[in-house]
Amino acid sequence: MRKAANMKHAAKLSLAAVLLAVAVGGCSDSKPNWKWKFWEKAESVPVEFKIGEPKPAAGLEKQTVPGSDRPVYVHPKAMLTNADIASAKVVSGDNGHVIEVVFTEDGKKAFGRLTQASINKHLVIIADGKIISAPVIKAPILGGAALIAGGFTKEQADRIAEGIMRK
């Protein structure tokens, strides 16, 4: 029974990995061109999940994803934050070093509703005030976990995950 539950969890994470790893121009350099103060020392990393649109509209802020020249137009309200994250850790695999985020029960529900309502929109993931990824949501993610890809080195991913948990 437990093995079946673990396999179901792994399948949901795999779906999330596919959905979030396909970032809009995510940074592919081994040395991303952004710098965050928390990389210098371990401290809290504020994380926000916002919705982004492919076209401009009133009230949206034009942003650029690192490694891309295509803009994304970001809604001002954060739909999820650190408070909605139960855990964060680095997972290394075929997609390089990614951050596995597991949401709280309330965060899981909010993330599920958010992804259901935002098909074909960008899920803008912001850490320490900088966009780190902005994949297009292709399907609802209901499993309560997601993988954040951004061309991170192991050290960068470790520091982001540790910083998320320092709430």
N, C-alpha and C. Protein backbone atom coordinates (compact mmCIF):
# COMPACT_ATOMS: atom_id res chain seq x y z
N MET A 1 0.83 -1.19 0.00
CA MET A 1 0.00 0.00 0.00
C MET A 1 0.88 1.26 0.00
N ARG A 2 1.90 1.27 0.87
CA ARG A 2 2.80 2.42 0.96
C ARG A 2 3.57 2.60 -0.34
N LYS A 3 3.97 1.47 -0.97
CA LYS A 3 4.70 1.54 -2.23
C LYS A 3 3.85 2.20 -3.31
N ALA A 4 2.56 1.85 -3.35
CA ALA A 4 1.65 2.45 -4.34
C ALA A 4 1.53 3.95 -4.10
N ALA A 5 1.45 4.38 -2.84
CA ALA A 5 1.35 5.81 -2.53
C ALA A 5 2.62 6.53 -2.95
N ASN A 6 3.79 5.91 -2.73
CA ASN A 6 5.06 6.52 -3.14
C ASN A 6 5.16 6.63 -4.65
N MET A 7 4.68 5.60 -5.36
CA MET A 7 4.72 5.64 -6.82
C MET A 7 3.78 6.73 -7.34
N LYS A 8 2.61 6.88 -6.72
CA LYS A 8 1.68 7.92 -7.11
C LYS A 8 2.30 9.30 -6.89
N HIS A 9 2.98 9.49 -5.74
CA HIS A 9 3.67 10.75 -5.45
C HIS A 9 4.76 11.02 -6.48
N ALA A 10 5.54 10.00 -6.82
CA ALA A 10 6.62 10.16 -7.82
C ALA A 10 6.04 10.54 -9.18
N ALA A 11 4.91 9.94 -9.54
CA ALA A 11 4.29 10.28 -10.83
C ALA A 11 3.83 11.73 -10.86
N LYS A 12 3.25 12.21 -9.75
CA LYS A 12 2.82 13.60 -9.69
C LYS A 12 4.01 14.54 -9.77
N LEU A 13 5.13 14.19 -9.08
CA LEU A 13 6.32 15.03 -9.15
C LEU A 13 6.89 15.03 -10.57
N SER A 14 6.83 13.87 -11.25
CA SER A 14 7.33 13.81 -12.62
C SER A 14 6.54 14.74 -13.52
N LEU A 15 5.21 14.76 -13.36
CA LEU A 15 4.38 15.67 -14.13
C LEU A 15 4.75 17.11 -13.83
N ALA A 16 4.93 17.42 -12.56
CA ALA A 16 5.31 18.78 -12.18
C ALA A 16 6.67 19.13 -12.77
N ALA A 17 7.59 18.17 -12.78
CA ALA A 17 8.92 18.42 -13.33
C ALA A 17 8.83 18.78 -14.80
N VAL A 18 8.03 18.04 -15.54
CA VAL A 18 7.87 18.31 -16.97
C VAL A 18 7.26 19.69 -17.17
N LEU A 19 6.24 20.01 -16.38
CA LEU A 19 5.55 21.28 -16.56
C LEU A 19 6.41 22.47 -16.17
N LEU A 20 7.15 22.35 -15.06
CA LEU A 20 7.92 23.49 -14.60
C LEU A 20 9.31 23.57 -15.24
N ALA A 21 9.82 22.47 -15.75
CA ALA A 21 11.15 22.50 -16.37
C ALA A 21 11.10 23.18 -17.73
N VAL A 22 9.93 23.26 -18.35
CA VAL A 22 9.80 23.90 -19.64
C VAL A 22 9.59 25.39 -19.41
N ALA A 23 10.60 26.03 -18.89
CA ALA A 23 10.50 27.45 -18.56
C ALA A 23 10.66 28.30 -19.81
N VAL A 24 10.02 29.43 -19.82
CA VAL A 24 10.14 30.36 -20.93
C VAL A 24 11.53 30.97 -20.87
N GLY A 25 12.43 30.49 -21.71
CA GLY A 25 13.78 31.03 -21.75
C GLY A 25 14.48 30.94 -20.42
N GLY A 26 14.24 29.92 -19.64
CA GLY A 26 14.93 29.76 -18.36
C GLY A 26 16.42 29.82 -18.56
N CYS A 27 17.14 30.25 -17.58
CA CYS A 27 18.58 30.42 -17.72
C CYS A 27 19.25 29.09 -17.97
N SER A 28 20.02 28.97 -19.04
CA SER A 28 20.70 27.73 -19.33
C SER A 28 22.20 27.82 -19.10
N ASP A 29 22.68 28.99 -18.74
CA ASP A 29 24.10 29.14 -18.46
C ASP A 29 24.46 28.42 -17.18
N SER A 30 25.71 27.94 -17.09
CA SER A 30 26.13 27.34 -15.83
C SER A 30 26.34 28.43 -14.79
N LYS A 31 26.51 29.66 -15.23
CA LYS A 31 26.64 30.80 -14.33
C LYS A 31 25.57 31.82 -14.69
N PRO A 32 24.38 31.72 -14.08
CA PRO A 32 23.32 32.67 -14.41
C PRO A 32 23.77 34.10 -14.23
N ASN A 33 23.11 35.03 -14.97
CA ASN A 33 23.53 36.42 -14.95
C ASN A 33 22.86 37.24 -13.86
N TRP A 34 22.19 36.58 -12.89
CA TRP A 34 21.61 37.33 -11.79
C TRP A 34 22.39 37.04 -10.51
N LYS A 35 22.32 37.97 -9.60
CA LYS A 35 23.01 37.80 -8.32
C LYS A 35 22.03 38.14 -7.22
N TRP A 36 22.00 37.31 -6.21
CA TRP A 36 21.14 37.54 -5.07
C TRP A 36 21.98 37.63 -3.83
N LYS A 37 21.63 38.52 -2.97
CA LYS A 37 22.41 38.71 -1.75
C LYS A 37 22.45 37.46 -0.88
N PHE A 38 21.38 36.64 -0.90
CA PHE A 38 21.38 35.47 -0.03
C PHE A 38 22.40 34.43 -0.46
N TRP A 39 22.93 34.53 -1.69
CA TRP A 39 23.95 33.57 -2.11
C TRP A 39 25.25 33.80 -1.36
N GLU A 40 25.44 35.00 -0.85
CA GLU A 40 26.66 35.32 -0.13
C GLU A 40 26.68 34.66 1.24
N LYS A 41 25.52 34.52 1.87
CA LYS A 41 25.40 33.86 3.17
C LYS A 41 23.99 33.32 3.30
N ALA A 42 23.83 32.34 4.13
CA ALA A 42 22.52 31.73 4.30
C ALA A 42 21.59 32.69 5.04
N GLU A 43 20.50 33.05 4.40
CA GLU A 43 19.46 33.85 5.03
C GLU A 43 18.15 33.54 4.33
N SER A 44 17.09 34.07 4.83
CA SER A 44 15.77 33.80 4.29
C SER A 44 15.66 34.28 2.83
N VAL A 45 14.96 33.48 2.03
CA VAL A 45 14.72 33.83 0.64
C VAL A 45 13.22 33.97 0.45
N PRO A 46 12.72 35.20 0.27
CA PRO A 46 11.30 35.36 0.01
C PRO A 46 10.96 34.79 -1.38
N VAL A 47 9.95 33.92 -1.41
CA VAL A 47 9.52 33.30 -2.66
C VAL A 47 8.05 33.65 -2.90
N GLU A 48 7.75 33.99 -4.15
CA GLU A 48 6.38 34.30 -4.54
C GLU A 48 6.05 33.57 -5.85
N PHE A 49 4.83 33.12 -5.93
CA PHE A 49 4.31 32.54 -7.16
C PHE A 49 3.23 33.50 -7.65
N LYS A 50 3.42 34.01 -8.86
CA LYS A 50 2.47 34.95 -9.44
C LYS A 50 2.06 34.44 -10.83
N ILE A 51 1.01 35.03 -11.35
CA ILE A 51 0.56 34.69 -12.70
C ILE A 51 1.09 35.74 -13.67
N GLY A 52 1.52 35.28 -14.83
CA GLY A 52 2.01 36.17 -15.87
C GLY A 52 1.24 35.94 -17.16
N GLU A 53 1.10 36.99 -17.91
CA GLU A 53 0.38 36.96 -19.19
C GLU A 53 1.38 37.16 -20.33
N PRO A 54 1.08 36.61 -21.50
CA PRO A 54 1.98 36.81 -22.64
C PRO A 54 1.85 38.18 -23.29
N LYS A 55 0.75 38.89 -23.01
CA LYS A 55 0.51 40.20 -23.62
C LYS A 55 0.27 41.26 -22.55
N PRO A 56 0.63 42.51 -22.84
CA PRO A 56 0.44 43.57 -21.85
C PRO A 56 -1.04 43.86 -21.59
N ALA A 57 -1.32 44.32 -20.38
CA ALA A 57 -2.67 44.75 -20.00
C ALA A 57 -2.53 45.70 -18.82
N ALA A 58 -3.57 46.46 -18.57
CA ALA A 58 -3.55 47.43 -17.47
C ALA A 58 -3.27 46.73 -16.14
N GLY A 59 -2.37 47.31 -15.35
CA GLY A 59 -2.06 46.79 -14.03
C GLY A 59 -0.99 45.72 -14.00
N LEU A 60 -0.52 45.28 -15.16
CA LEU A 60 0.52 44.25 -15.20
C LEU A 60 1.90 44.89 -15.35
N GLU A 61 2.90 44.25 -14.76
CA GLU A 61 4.27 44.77 -14.83
C GLU A 61 5.08 43.95 -15.82
N LYS A 62 5.72 44.64 -16.76
CA LYS A 62 6.54 43.97 -17.76
C LYS A 62 7.84 43.50 -17.09
N GLN A 63 8.14 42.22 -17.23
CA GLN A 63 9.37 41.62 -16.68
C GLN A 63 10.01 40.77 -17.76
N THR A 64 11.27 40.43 -17.55
CA THR A 64 11.98 39.54 -18.45
C THR A 64 12.54 38.38 -17.64
N VAL A 65 12.38 37.18 -18.17
CA VAL A 65 12.92 35.99 -17.53
C VAL A 65 14.42 35.92 -17.86
N PRO A 66 15.27 35.62 -16.86
CA PRO A 66 16.71 35.51 -17.14
C PRO A 66 16.97 34.54 -18.29
N GLY A 67 17.85 34.95 -19.20
CA GLY A 67 18.21 34.11 -20.33
C GLY A 67 17.25 34.21 -21.50
N SER A 68 16.28 35.13 -21.44
CA SER A 68 15.29 35.26 -22.49
C SER A 68 15.12 36.73 -22.84
N ASP A 69 14.75 36.99 -24.08
CA ASP A 69 14.44 38.37 -24.45
C ASP A 69 12.93 38.58 -24.56
N ARG A 70 12.16 37.51 -24.31
CA ARG A 70 10.70 37.62 -24.37
C ARG A 70 10.16 38.13 -23.03
N PRO A 71 9.31 39.14 -23.09
CA PRO A 71 8.74 39.65 -21.84
C PRO A 71 7.58 38.79 -21.35
N VAL A 72 7.31 38.91 -20.07
CA VAL A 72 6.12 38.33 -19.46
C VAL A 72 5.51 39.46 -18.65
N TYR A 73 4.19 39.54 -18.65
CA TYR A 73 3.49 40.64 -17.98
C TYR A 73 2.86 40.07 -16.70
N VAL A 74 3.39 40.52 -15.56
CA VAL A 74 3.14 39.89 -14.28
C VAL A 74 2.06 40.62 -13.48
N HIS A 75 1.12 39.83 -12.96
CA HIS A 75 0.10 40.36 -12.05
C HIS A 75 0.79 40.75 -10.74
N PRO A 76 0.35 41.82 -10.09
CA PRO A 76 1.04 42.29 -8.88
C PRO A 76 0.85 41.40 -7.65
N LYS A 77 -0.25 40.68 -7.56
CA LYS A 77 -0.55 39.92 -6.35
C LYS A 77 0.14 38.55 -6.37
N ALA A 78 0.85 38.25 -5.27
CA ALA A 78 1.43 36.91 -5.09
C ALA A 78 0.31 35.94 -4.73
N MET A 79 0.23 34.85 -5.45
CA MET A 79 -0.82 33.86 -5.19
C MET A 79 -0.38 32.86 -4.12
N LEU A 80 0.92 32.61 -4.01
CA LEU A 80 1.49 31.77 -2.97
C LEU A 80 2.82 32.37 -2.54
N THR A 81 3.21 32.12 -1.29
CA THR A 81 4.48 32.63 -0.75
C THR A 81 5.14 31.54 0.10
N ASN A 82 6.23 31.91 0.77
CA ASN A 82 6.93 30.97 1.67
C ASN A 82 5.98 30.34 2.68
N ALA A 83 4.99 31.09 3.13
CA ALA A 83 4.04 30.58 4.13
C ALA A 83 3.27 29.37 3.62
N ASP A 84 3.19 29.20 2.30
CA ASP A 84 2.46 28.09 1.71
C ASP A 84 3.35 26.88 1.42
N ILE A 85 4.64 26.98 1.77
CA ILE A 85 5.61 25.92 1.48
C ILE A 85 5.94 25.18 2.76
N ALA A 86 5.75 23.85 2.73
CA ALA A 86 6.06 23.01 3.88
C ALA A 86 7.53 22.60 3.87
N SER A 87 8.08 22.34 2.68
CA SER A 87 9.49 21.94 2.59
C SER A 87 10.04 22.27 1.20
N ALA A 88 11.36 22.39 1.15
CA ALA A 88 12.06 22.62 -0.11
C ALA A 88 13.40 21.91 -0.04
N LYS A 89 13.74 21.20 -1.11
CA LYS A 89 15.02 20.50 -1.15
C LYS A 89 15.49 20.42 -2.60
N VAL A 90 16.78 20.18 -2.77
CA VAL A 90 17.37 20.07 -4.11
C VAL A 90 17.26 18.63 -4.58
N VAL A 91 16.85 18.48 -5.84
CA VAL A 91 16.79 17.18 -6.49
C VAL A 91 17.64 17.30 -7.75
N SER A 92 18.57 16.39 -7.92
CA SER A 92 19.43 16.40 -9.11
C SER A 92 19.02 15.24 -10.01
N GLY A 93 18.96 15.53 -11.31
CA GLY A 93 18.56 14.50 -12.26
C GLY A 93 18.82 14.94 -13.67
N ASP A 94 18.01 14.43 -14.59
CA ASP A 94 18.17 14.73 -16.01
C ASP A 94 18.03 16.22 -16.31
N ASN A 95 17.25 16.93 -15.51
CA ASN A 95 17.04 18.36 -15.72
C ASN A 95 18.03 19.21 -14.94
N GLY A 96 19.12 18.61 -14.47
CA GLY A 96 20.10 19.35 -13.68
C GLY A 96 19.66 19.44 -12.24
N HIS A 97 19.97 20.55 -11.60
CA HIS A 97 19.63 20.76 -10.20
C HIS A 97 18.35 21.58 -10.13
N VAL A 98 17.32 20.99 -9.58
CA VAL A 98 16.03 21.66 -9.43
C VAL A 98 15.64 21.65 -7.97
N ILE A 99 14.69 22.49 -7.63
CA ILE A 99 14.24 22.60 -6.25
C ILE A 99 12.85 21.99 -6.16
N GLU A 100 12.73 20.97 -5.32
CA GLU A 100 11.43 20.36 -5.07
C GLU A 100 10.76 21.12 -3.94
N VAL A 101 9.59 21.65 -4.22
CA VAL A 101 8.81 22.38 -3.23
C VAL A 101 7.56 21.55 -2.92
N VAL A 102 7.35 21.30 -1.63
CA VAL A 102 6.14 20.62 -1.19
C VAL A 102 5.32 21.66 -0.43
N PHE A 103 4.07 21.80 -0.83
CA PHE A 103 3.21 22.82 -0.24
C PHE A 103 2.53 22.32 1.04
N THR A 104 2.15 23.25 1.88
CA THR A 104 1.30 22.94 3.04
C THR A 104 -0.05 22.48 2.50
N GLU A 105 -0.91 22.00 3.36
CA GLU A 105 -2.25 21.57 2.91
C GLU A 105 -3.00 22.73 2.25
N ASP A 106 -2.96 23.91 2.89
CA ASP A 106 -3.60 25.09 2.29
C ASP A 106 -2.91 25.50 1.00
N GLY A 107 -1.57 25.43 0.99
CA GLY A 107 -0.81 25.75 -0.20
C GLY A 107 -1.11 24.81 -1.35
N LYS A 108 -1.26 23.52 -1.04
CA LYS A 108 -1.61 22.51 -2.06
C LYS A 108 -2.94 22.87 -2.73
N LYS A 109 -3.92 23.22 -1.91
CA LYS A 109 -5.23 23.58 -2.45
C LYS A 109 -5.14 24.84 -3.31
N ALA A 110 -4.42 25.84 -2.80
CA ALA A 110 -4.28 27.11 -3.53
C ALA A 110 -3.52 26.90 -4.84
N PHE A 111 -2.45 26.09 -4.82
CA PHE A 111 -1.67 25.84 -6.02
C PHE A 111 -2.51 25.07 -7.04
N GLY A 112 -3.29 24.12 -6.58
CA GLY A 112 -4.17 23.38 -7.47
C GLY A 112 -5.19 24.29 -8.15
N ARG A 113 -5.84 25.15 -7.35
CA ARG A 113 -6.81 26.10 -7.92
C ARG A 113 -6.12 27.06 -8.89
N LEU A 114 -4.94 27.53 -8.50
CA LEU A 114 -4.19 28.47 -9.33
C LEU A 114 -3.85 27.85 -10.69
N THR A 115 -3.32 26.63 -10.68
CA THR A 115 -2.94 26.00 -11.95
C THR A 115 -4.16 25.61 -12.78
N GLN A 116 -5.25 25.23 -12.13
CA GLN A 116 -6.48 24.92 -12.87
C GLN A 116 -7.04 26.15 -13.58
N ALA A 117 -6.96 27.29 -12.93
CA ALA A 117 -7.54 28.52 -13.47
C ALA A 117 -6.61 29.26 -14.42
N SER A 118 -5.37 28.79 -14.55
CA SER A 118 -4.38 29.57 -15.30
C SER A 118 -3.73 28.79 -16.44
N ILE A 119 -4.44 27.86 -17.02
CA ILE A 119 -3.91 27.08 -18.15
C ILE A 119 -3.49 28.04 -19.26
N ASN A 120 -2.31 27.80 -19.83
CA ASN A 120 -1.70 28.59 -20.91
C ASN A 120 -1.22 29.98 -20.46
N LYS A 121 -1.18 30.20 -19.16
CA LYS A 121 -0.57 31.43 -18.62
C LYS A 121 0.76 31.05 -17.99
N HIS A 122 1.56 32.06 -17.69
CA HIS A 122 2.86 31.81 -17.06
C HIS A 122 2.72 31.69 -15.55
N LEU A 123 3.43 30.74 -14.97
CA LEU A 123 3.57 30.66 -13.52
C LEU A 123 4.91 31.33 -13.23
N VAL A 124 4.86 32.56 -12.76
CA VAL A 124 6.07 33.34 -12.52
C VAL A 124 6.55 33.04 -11.10
N ILE A 125 7.76 32.50 -11.01
CA ILE A 125 8.34 32.14 -9.72
C ILE A 125 9.44 33.14 -9.42
N ILE A 126 9.27 33.84 -8.30
CA ILE A 126 10.16 34.92 -7.92
C ILE A 126 10.85 34.56 -6.62
N ALA A 127 12.17 34.66 -6.59
CA ALA A 127 12.95 34.43 -5.37
C ALA A 127 13.79 35.66 -5.11
N ASP A 128 13.69 36.19 -3.91
CA ASP A 128 14.45 37.37 -3.51
C ASP A 128 14.24 38.54 -4.48
N GLY A 129 12.99 38.68 -4.97
CA GLY A 129 12.65 39.79 -5.85
C GLY A 129 13.03 39.61 -7.31
N LYS A 130 13.59 38.46 -7.69
CA LYS A 130 14.02 38.22 -9.07
C LYS A 130 13.27 37.02 -9.64
N ILE A 131 12.84 37.14 -10.88
CA ILE A 131 12.20 36.01 -11.55
C ILE A 131 13.26 34.94 -11.78
N ILE A 132 12.97 33.71 -11.35
CA ILE A 132 13.90 32.62 -11.60
C ILE A 132 13.35 31.63 -12.63
N SER A 133 12.06 31.66 -12.85
CA SER A 133 11.44 30.78 -13.83
C SER A 133 10.04 31.30 -14.14
N ALA A 134 9.58 31.05 -15.36
CA ALA A 134 8.23 31.47 -15.74
C ALA A 134 7.66 30.50 -16.77
N PRO A 135 7.48 29.24 -16.38
CA PRO A 135 6.94 28.25 -17.32
C PRO A 135 5.48 28.54 -17.63
N VAL A 136 5.02 28.01 -18.76
CA VAL A 136 3.62 28.10 -19.12
C VAL A 136 2.90 26.90 -18.49
N ILE A 137 1.80 27.16 -17.83
CA ILE A 137 1.02 26.10 -17.19
C ILE A 137 0.25 25.37 -18.28
N LYS A 138 0.52 24.09 -18.44
CA LYS A 138 -0.11 23.28 -19.49
C LYS A 138 -1.24 22.41 -18.95
N ALA A 139 -1.21 22.13 -17.65
CA ALA A 139 -2.23 21.28 -17.02
C ALA A 139 -2.26 21.58 -15.54
N PRO A 140 -3.37 21.30 -14.89
CA PRO A 140 -3.44 21.52 -13.44
C PRO A 140 -2.41 20.66 -12.70
N ILE A 141 -1.83 21.20 -11.66
CA ILE A 141 -0.89 20.46 -10.81
C ILE A 141 -1.57 20.34 -9.45
N LEU A 142 -2.04 19.15 -9.16
CA LEU A 142 -2.89 18.95 -7.99
C LEU A 142 -2.22 18.14 -6.88
N GLY A 143 -1.01 17.68 -7.11
CA GLY A 143 -0.36 16.78 -6.17
C GLY A 143 0.24 17.41 -4.94
N GLY A 144 0.31 18.74 -4.89
CA GLY A 144 0.84 19.39 -3.71
C GLY A 144 2.33 19.59 -3.72
N ALA A 145 2.97 19.34 -4.87
CA ALA A 145 4.42 19.52 -4.98
C ALA A 145 4.75 20.02 -6.39
N ALA A 146 5.89 20.67 -6.51
CA ALA A 146 6.33 21.16 -7.81
C ALA A 146 7.85 21.20 -7.82
N LEU A 147 8.42 21.16 -8.99
CA LEU A 147 9.86 21.30 -9.17
C LEU A 147 10.13 22.62 -9.86
N ILE A 148 11.08 23.38 -9.32
CA ILE A 148 11.45 24.67 -9.92
C ILE A 148 12.79 24.48 -10.63
N ALA A 149 12.77 24.66 -11.95
CA ALA A 149 13.99 24.57 -12.76
C ALA A 149 14.41 25.98 -13.14
N GLY A 150 15.71 26.21 -13.21
CA GLY A 150 16.17 27.53 -13.58
C GLY A 150 17.62 27.55 -14.01
N GLY A 151 18.17 26.40 -14.40
CA GLY A 151 19.57 26.35 -14.81
C GLY A 151 20.51 26.59 -13.64
N PHE A 152 20.12 26.14 -12.45
CA PHE A 152 20.89 26.40 -11.24
C PHE A 152 22.10 25.49 -11.14
N THR A 153 23.18 26.02 -10.56
CA THR A 153 24.27 25.16 -10.14
C THR A 153 23.81 24.46 -8.86
N LYS A 154 24.51 23.44 -8.43
CA LYS A 154 24.15 22.74 -7.19
C LYS A 154 24.17 23.71 -6.02
N GLU A 155 25.20 24.56 -5.96
CA GLU A 155 25.32 25.52 -4.86
C GLU A 155 24.15 26.50 -4.86
N GLN A 156 23.78 27.02 -6.02
CA GLN A 156 22.67 27.97 -6.10
C GLN A 156 21.37 27.31 -5.66
N ALA A 157 21.11 26.11 -6.16
CA ALA A 157 19.88 25.40 -5.78
C ALA A 157 19.85 25.12 -4.28
N ASP A 158 20.98 24.70 -3.71
CA ASP A 158 21.06 24.44 -2.26
C ASP A 158 20.73 25.70 -1.47
N ARG A 159 21.29 26.81 -1.87
CA ARG A 159 21.07 28.05 -1.13
C ARG A 159 19.62 28.54 -1.25
N ILE A 160 19.02 28.37 -2.43
CA ILE A 160 17.62 28.76 -2.59
C ILE A 160 16.74 27.89 -1.70
N ALA A 161 16.93 26.57 -1.78
CA ALA A 161 16.11 25.66 -0.97
C ALA A 161 16.29 25.94 0.53
N GLU A 162 17.53 26.12 0.96
CA GLU A 162 17.79 26.42 2.39
C GLU A 162 17.16 27.74 2.77
N GLY A 163 17.26 28.73 1.90
CA GLY A 163 16.68 30.04 2.18
C GLY A 163 15.16 30.02 2.27
N ILE A 164 14.52 29.20 1.41
CA ILE A 164 13.07 29.07 1.45
C ILE A 164 12.64 28.53 2.81
N MET A 165 13.40 27.58 3.33
CA MET A 165 13.04 26.96 4.60
C MET A 165 13.36 27.83 5.81
N ARG A 166 14.09 28.93 5.62
CA ARG A 166 14.42 29.84 6.72
C ARG A 166 13.30 30.85 6.96
N LYS A 167 12.21 30.74 6.28
CA LYS A 167 11.02 31.61 6.40
C LYS A 167 11.25 32.74 7.36
